[in-house]
Protein backbone atom coordinates (compact mmCIF):
# COMPACT_ATOMS: atom_id res chain seq x y z
CA MET A 1 -19.16 17.95 26.86
CA ARG A 2 -22.05 17.53 24.43
CA PHE A 3 -19.78 17.57 21.38
CA ALA A 4 -17.36 15.15 23.05
CA LEU A 5 -20.24 12.69 23.60
CA ILE A 6 -21.36 13.03 19.98
CA TRP A 7 -17.81 12.32 18.81
CA VAL A 8 -17.56 9.22 20.98
CA LEU A 9 -20.95 7.92 19.79
CA ARG A 10 -19.98 8.50 16.16
CA GLY A 11 -16.71 6.65 16.73
CA LEU A 12 -18.45 3.69 18.37
CA VAL A 13 -21.05 3.46 15.59
CA THR A 14 -18.37 3.67 12.88
CA PHE A 15 -16.26 1.00 14.59
CA ALA A 16 -19.32 -1.24 15.01
CA VAL A 17 -20.24 -0.89 11.33
CA TYR A 18 -16.66 -1.80 10.35
CA VAL A 19 -16.78 -4.90 12.53
CA MET A 20 -20.13 -5.99 11.13
CA PHE A 21 -19.36 -5.74 7.44
CA THR A 22 -15.86 -7.16 7.95
CA VAL A 23 -17.20 -10.24 9.75
CA VAL A 24 -19.88 -10.82 7.11
CA LEU A 25 -17.42 -10.46 4.23
CA CYS A 26 -14.89 -12.70 6.00
CA VAL A 27 -17.46 -15.53 6.00
CA PHE A 28 -17.82 -15.26 2.22
CA PHE A 29 -14.07 -14.77 1.83
CA PHE A 30 -13.12 -18.00 3.61
CA LEU A 31 -15.82 -19.98 1.81
CA VAL A 32 -14.39 -18.90 -1.55
CA ALA A 33 -10.83 -19.42 -0.27
CA ALA A 34 -11.74 -23.00 0.69
CA VAL A 35 -12.84 -23.64 -2.89
CA LYS A 36 -9.58 -22.15 -4.20
CA PHE A 37 -7.37 -24.29 -1.97
CA LEU A 38 -9.35 -27.54 -2.04
CA VAL A 39 -10.45 -27.85 -5.67
CA PRO A 40 -7.42 -28.88 -7.79
CA VAL A 41 -8.73 -27.37 -11.02
CA LYS A 42 -6.83 -24.36 -12.36
CA ALA A 43 -9.88 -22.77 -13.98
CA VAL A 44 -11.81 -23.00 -10.69
CA GLN A 45 -8.84 -21.70 -8.68
CA LYS A 46 -8.42 -18.77 -11.04
CA ARG A 47 -12.10 -17.83 -10.84
CA ALA A 48 -12.05 -18.20 -7.05
CA GLY A 49 -8.99 -15.92 -6.89
CA ARG A 50 -10.86 -13.25 -8.81
CA GLY A 51 -13.77 -13.66 -6.42
CA LEU A 52 -11.47 -13.09 -3.44
CA ASP A 53 -10.12 -9.93 -5.07
CA ARG A 54 -13.68 -8.67 -5.57
CA ILE A 55 -14.49 -9.27 -1.91
CA ALA A 56 -11.34 -7.58 -0.61
CA SER A 57 -10.64 -4.82 -3.15
CA GLY A 58 -14.23 -4.35 -4.25
CA MET A 59 -16.86 -5.09 -1.61
CA TRP A 60 -14.82 -4.32 1.53
CA VAL A 61 -13.46 -1.14 0.00
CA ALA A 62 -16.96 -0.06 -1.09
CA CYS A 63 -18.32 -0.68 2.43
CA SER A 64 -15.46 1.36 3.93
CA VAL A 65 -16.00 4.28 1.55
CA TRP A 66 -19.76 4.41 2.12
CA THR A 67 -19.36 4.13 5.89
CA HIS A 68 -17.27 7.29 5.95
CA ARG A 69 -19.48 9.09 3.46
CA ILE A 70 -22.50 8.50 5.69
CA LEU A 71 -20.95 8.74 9.17
CA GLY A 72 -17.83 10.82 8.54
CA ARG A 73 -17.52 14.56 8.18
CA VAL A 74 -14.34 14.67 6.13
CA GLU A 75 -13.93 17.15 3.30
CA TYR A 76 -11.60 15.67 0.66
CA ASP A 77 -9.63 17.98 -1.60
CA ILE A 78 -8.14 15.72 -4.29
CA ARG A 79 -5.73 17.36 -6.73
CA GLY A 80 -3.35 16.54 -9.54
CA GLN A 81 -3.61 14.11 -12.39
CA ALA A 82 -6.44 11.63 -12.08
CA ASP A 83 -6.18 9.55 -15.26
CA LEU A 84 -6.06 6.22 -13.42
CA ARG A 85 -7.17 3.01 -15.08
CA MET A 86 -8.31 -0.38 -13.85
CA ASP A 87 -6.58 -2.22 -16.71
CA ARG A 88 -3.01 -1.01 -16.05
CA TRP A 89 -0.44 -2.44 -13.66
CA CYS A 90 0.82 0.24 -11.28
CA LEU A 91 3.07 0.90 -8.30
CA ILE A 92 1.52 3.20 -5.68
CA VAL A 93 3.85 5.15 -3.38
CA SER A 94 2.74 7.49 -0.62
CA ASN A 95 4.02 9.34 2.40
CA HIS A 96 3.02 7.76 5.71
CA GLN A 97 1.88 9.64 8.82
CA SER A 98 -0.95 7.59 10.36
CA TRP A 99 -2.98 4.39 10.01
CA VAL A 100 -5.61 6.73 8.59
CA ASP A 101 -3.46 6.96 5.46
CA ILE A 102 -4.69 3.51 4.41
CA LEU A 103 -8.35 4.56 4.64
CA VAL A 104 -7.57 7.77 2.75
CA LEU A 105 -5.86 5.81 -0.04
CA ILE A 106 -8.85 3.46 -0.21
CA ARG A 107 -11.20 6.46 -0.48
CA VAL A 108 -9.14 8.18 -3.18
CA LEU A 109 -8.40 5.10 -5.29
CA ALA A 110 -11.67 3.17 -4.93
CA GLY A 111 -12.78 1.88 -8.31
CA ARG A 112 -9.90 3.58 -10.10
CA VAL A 113 -7.04 1.06 -9.84
CA PRO A 114 -6.89 -2.75 -10.10
CA PRO A 115 -6.90 -5.00 -6.99
CA TYR A 116 -4.40 -4.02 -4.30
CA LYS A 117 -1.40 -6.22 -3.53
CA PHE A 118 1.17 -5.80 -0.77
CA PHE A 119 4.59 -7.42 -0.68
CA ILE A 120 4.74 -9.27 2.63
CA LYS A 121 7.42 -11.07 4.64
CA LYS A 122 7.21 -14.85 4.74
CA GLU A 123 6.78 -14.78 8.54
CA LEU A 124 3.42 -13.01 8.19
CA LEU A 125 1.91 -16.10 6.59
CA TRP A 126 1.88 -17.72 10.03
CA LEU A 127 -0.48 -15.11 11.49
CA PRO A 128 -3.90 -16.63 12.33
CA LEU A 129 -6.59 -15.60 9.81
CA MET A 130 -4.45 -12.80 8.36
CA GLY A 131 -1.93 -15.27 6.95
CA GLN A 132 -4.73 -17.20 5.25
CA CYS A 133 -6.10 -13.95 3.82
CA PHE A 134 -2.65 -13.09 2.43
CA LEU A 135 -2.43 -16.53 0.82
CA GLY A 136 -5.94 -16.32 -0.59
CA LEU A 137 -5.24 -12.91 -2.13
CA ASP A 138 -1.91 -14.13 -3.58
CA PHE A 139 0.09 -11.37 -1.89
CA PRO A 140 3.69 -11.70 -3.15
CA VAL A 141 6.07 -13.11 -0.54
CA MET A 142 9.27 -11.13 -0.08
CA LYS A 143 12.09 -13.26 1.30
CA ARG A 144 15.46 -11.70 2.06
CA TYR A 145 18.47 -13.59 3.38
CA PRO A 146 20.63 -11.60 5.86
CA ARG A 147 24.13 -10.78 4.66
CA HIS A 148 25.81 -13.06 7.21
CA VAL A 149 23.68 -16.00 6.02
CA VAL A 150 24.65 -15.40 2.38
CA GLU A 151 28.32 -15.14 3.36
CA LYS A 152 28.06 -18.49 5.16
CA TYR A 153 26.06 -20.15 2.39
CA PRO A 154 27.12 -18.49 -0.93
CA HIS A 155 24.75 -20.69 -2.96
CA LEU A 156 21.84 -18.69 -1.49
CA LYS A 157 22.97 -15.47 -3.16
CA GLY A 158 20.25 -14.19 -5.47
CA GLN A 159 17.75 -16.91 -4.55
CA ASP A 160 15.64 -14.52 -2.49
CA LEU A 161 15.22 -12.26 -5.53
CA GLU A 162 14.21 -15.16 -7.75
CA THR A 163 11.75 -16.44 -5.13
CA THR A 164 10.09 -13.03 -5.05
CA ARG A 165 10.03 -12.81 -8.84
CA LYS A 166 8.38 -16.23 -9.17
CA SER A 167 5.71 -15.31 -6.62
CA CYS A 168 4.71 -12.44 -8.93
CA GLU A 169 4.36 -14.50 -12.10
CA LYS A 170 0.66 -15.07 -11.40
CA PHE A 171 0.06 -11.35 -12.00
CA ARG A 172 1.43 -11.44 -15.54
CA HIS A 173 -2.06 -11.63 -17.05
CA THR A 174 -4.03 -9.89 -14.27
CA PRO A 175 -3.51 -6.16 -13.58
CA VAL A 176 -2.69 -5.32 -9.96
CA ALA A 177 -1.83 -2.23 -7.93
CA VAL A 178 1.18 -2.75 -5.66
CA MET A 179 1.24 -0.42 -2.64
CA ASN A 180 4.42 0.71 -0.91
CA PHE A 181 5.08 3.19 1.91
CA MET A 182 8.68 4.00 1.06
CA GLU A 183 9.43 5.63 4.39
CA GLY A 184 8.92 2.23 5.99
CA THR A 185 7.32 3.69 9.12
CA ARG A 186 4.99 6.50 10.16
CA PHE A 187 6.39 10.01 10.27
CA THR A 188 6.92 11.60 13.69
CA PRO A 189 9.02 14.65 14.62
CA GLU A 190 11.14 12.41 16.84
CA LYS A 191 11.95 9.99 14.02
CA HIS A 192 12.60 12.91 11.67
CA LYS A 193 15.10 14.42 14.09
CA LYS A 194 16.77 11.10 14.86
CA GLN A 195 17.26 10.39 11.14
CA ASN A 196 18.54 13.89 10.46
CA SER A 197 16.32 13.70 7.39
CA PRO A 198 17.22 16.10 4.55
CA TYR A 199 13.50 16.57 3.84
CA ARG A 200 11.40 19.05 5.73
CA ARG A 201 8.26 16.95 6.20
CA LEU A 202 9.32 13.42 5.23
CA LEU A 203 11.49 10.64 6.59
CA LYS A 204 14.28 9.19 4.50
CA PRO A 205 12.83 6.72 1.96
CA ARG A 206 13.95 3.10 2.05
CA ALA A 207 14.86 2.16 -1.49
CA GLY A 208 15.29 -1.58 -0.98
CA GLY A 209 11.59 -2.48 -0.93
CA ALA A 210 10.79 -0.46 -4.05
CA ALA A 211 13.85 -1.91 -5.79
CA MET A 212 12.66 -5.42 -4.98
CA ILE A 213 9.20 -4.64 -6.40
CA LEU A 214 10.67 -3.25 -9.62
CA TYR A 215 13.01 -6.22 -9.95
CA ALA A 216 10.16 -8.69 -9.52
CA MET A 217 7.55 -6.86 -11.63
CA GLY A 218 9.42 -4.21 -13.60
CA ASP A 219 8.41 -5.58 -16.99
CA GLN A 220 4.74 -5.48 -15.95
CA LEU A 221 4.42 -2.20 -14.04
CA GLN A 222 3.23 0.55 -16.38
CA ASP A 223 2.56 3.51 -14.06
CA LEU A 224 3.88 5.02 -10.87
CA VAL A 225 1.00 6.55 -8.89
CA ASP A 226 2.63 9.12 -6.62
CA ILE A 227 0.29 10.14 -3.78
CA THR A 228 0.91 12.84 -1.19
CA ILE A 229 -1.45 13.03 1.81
CA ALA A 230 -1.78 16.15 3.98
CA TYR A 231 -3.84 16.78 7.12
CA PRO A 232 -4.20 20.58 7.50
CA ASP A 233 -5.78 20.27 10.97
CA GLY A 234 -3.10 17.93 12.32
CA VAL A 235 -2.31 14.24 11.79
CA PRO A 236 -5.23 12.19 13.18
CA GLY A 237 -5.25 8.86 14.90
CA LEU A 238 -7.62 6.13 13.74
CA TRP A 239 -10.03 6.76 16.62
CA ASP A 240 -10.09 10.52 15.90
CA PHE A 241 -10.93 9.69 12.28
CA PHE A 242 -13.74 7.35 13.30
CA CYS A 243 -15.12 10.01 15.66
CA GLY A 244 -15.30 12.62 12.91
CA ARG A 245 -12.70 14.94 14.43
CA THR A 246 -10.79 15.01 11.13
CA ARG A 247 -12.47 17.67 9.00
CA ARG A 248 -10.10 18.18 6.05
CA VAL A 249 -7.80 15.95 4.01
CA ARG A 250 -5.83 17.15 1.00
CA VAL A 251 -4.47 14.61 -1.45
CA ASP A 252 -2.24 15.14 -4.47
CA VAL A 253 -2.31 12.34 -7.08
CA ARG A 254 0.23 12.24 -9.90
CA LEU A 255 1.11 9.71 -12.57
CA ARG A 256 4.84 9.40 -13.17
CA ALA A 257 6.89 7.30 -15.54
CA ILE A 258 9.13 4.56 -14.14
CA PRO A 259 12.61 4.83 -15.71
CA GLU A 260 13.29 1.75 -17.81
CA ASP A 261 16.86 1.41 -16.53
CA LEU A 262 15.57 0.87 -13.00
CA LYS A 263 13.48 -2.18 -13.87
CA ASP A 264 16.32 -4.64 -14.51
CA GLY A 265 17.55 -5.17 -10.97
CA TRP A 266 20.80 -3.23 -11.25
CA TYR A 267 20.16 -2.03 -7.69
CA PHE A 268 21.16 -5.50 -6.52
CA ALA A 269 24.03 -5.88 -8.99
CA ASP A 270 26.53 -3.17 -8.07
CA GLN A 271 27.07 0.13 -6.31
CA GLN A 272 26.54 2.11 -9.49
CA GLY A 273 23.07 0.62 -9.86
CA ARG A 274 22.24 1.46 -6.25
CA ASP A 275 23.49 5.03 -6.70
CA ARG A 276 21.27 5.48 -9.76
CA PHE A 277 18.25 4.14 -7.88
CA TYR A 278 18.94 6.36 -4.86
CA GLN A 279 19.21 9.37 -7.16
CA TRP A 280 15.79 8.66 -8.66
CA VAL A 281 14.19 8.11 -5.24
CA ASP A 282 15.79 11.29 -3.88
CA GLN A 283 14.36 13.37 -6.74
CA LEU A 284 10.93 11.79 -6.22
CA TRP A 285 11.02 12.48 -2.49
CA ALA A 286 12.30 16.05 -2.88
CA GLN A 287 9.33 16.83 -5.13
CA LYS A 288 6.94 15.13 -2.70
CA ASP A 289 8.36 17.21 0.15
CA GLN A 290 7.61 20.40 -1.80
CA ILE A 291 4.08 19.20 -2.64
CA LEU A 292 3.37 18.33 0.99
CA ASP A 293 4.68 21.70 2.14
CA SER A 294 2.41 23.43 -0.38
CA LEU A 295 -0.66 21.41 0.69
CA LEU A 296 -0.12 22.30 4.34
CA SER A 297 0.81 25.95 3.89
CA GLU A 298 -2.42 27.03 2.15
């Protein structure tokens, strides 16, 4: 009973600290965002954009990391290659088991990669507050037309790819780290069984999102940061993590090369291009499955 009360108190304090520094930083964020959107001077807009990145990928991340260092009890075991650089464009891929994965990635990559960017659907821009944050941070908008729409209006074919590519042009001179959970959803035994996944501890990867990223930014992306996250004591929920019930996290970080022939959008051109892309993703995921099994079996 005593330990349960301590866990709950730690969780409440951690949550309260998150709320406080998020609210404070949001005030500064929207003030800078107002300057970016209202002042029609490119130099000012560019500097304001950098300020927004510092608030989101610098200050908020730093507050999150220090909150868990002070209030958390997590022992991180980080392995693999760690030659990450702030001045290189990179694609980050990871397995996905819990919302805690995002906080783990923030902890592992803090101060080691350029500002984070997520590809988002156009509909998310309508979300109150969040949509404005996405716009302020210049998150690339991913727009895909359904097959039946393209069949009805053939002139739309390929326009979604070009729209996504154009939304990424602003990153040509500013290094960014694009994050992608290739499984598309969190791993559960039920989903694994329903998919009949060929991997022991992973869901089937969805290649379309990664293919879209490489098509839009392939000539800019220099590194693939392959991250595998393991929870030896069981996959935690966000509340368990805040309460300090998660004691150990093992993370494997590896730099991999992105094959040049996958950067030209052949995935969207023909079946042969898709087969080549699937082959690369399958090899990547088979290796990740072995790494995850090794991290959990120690």
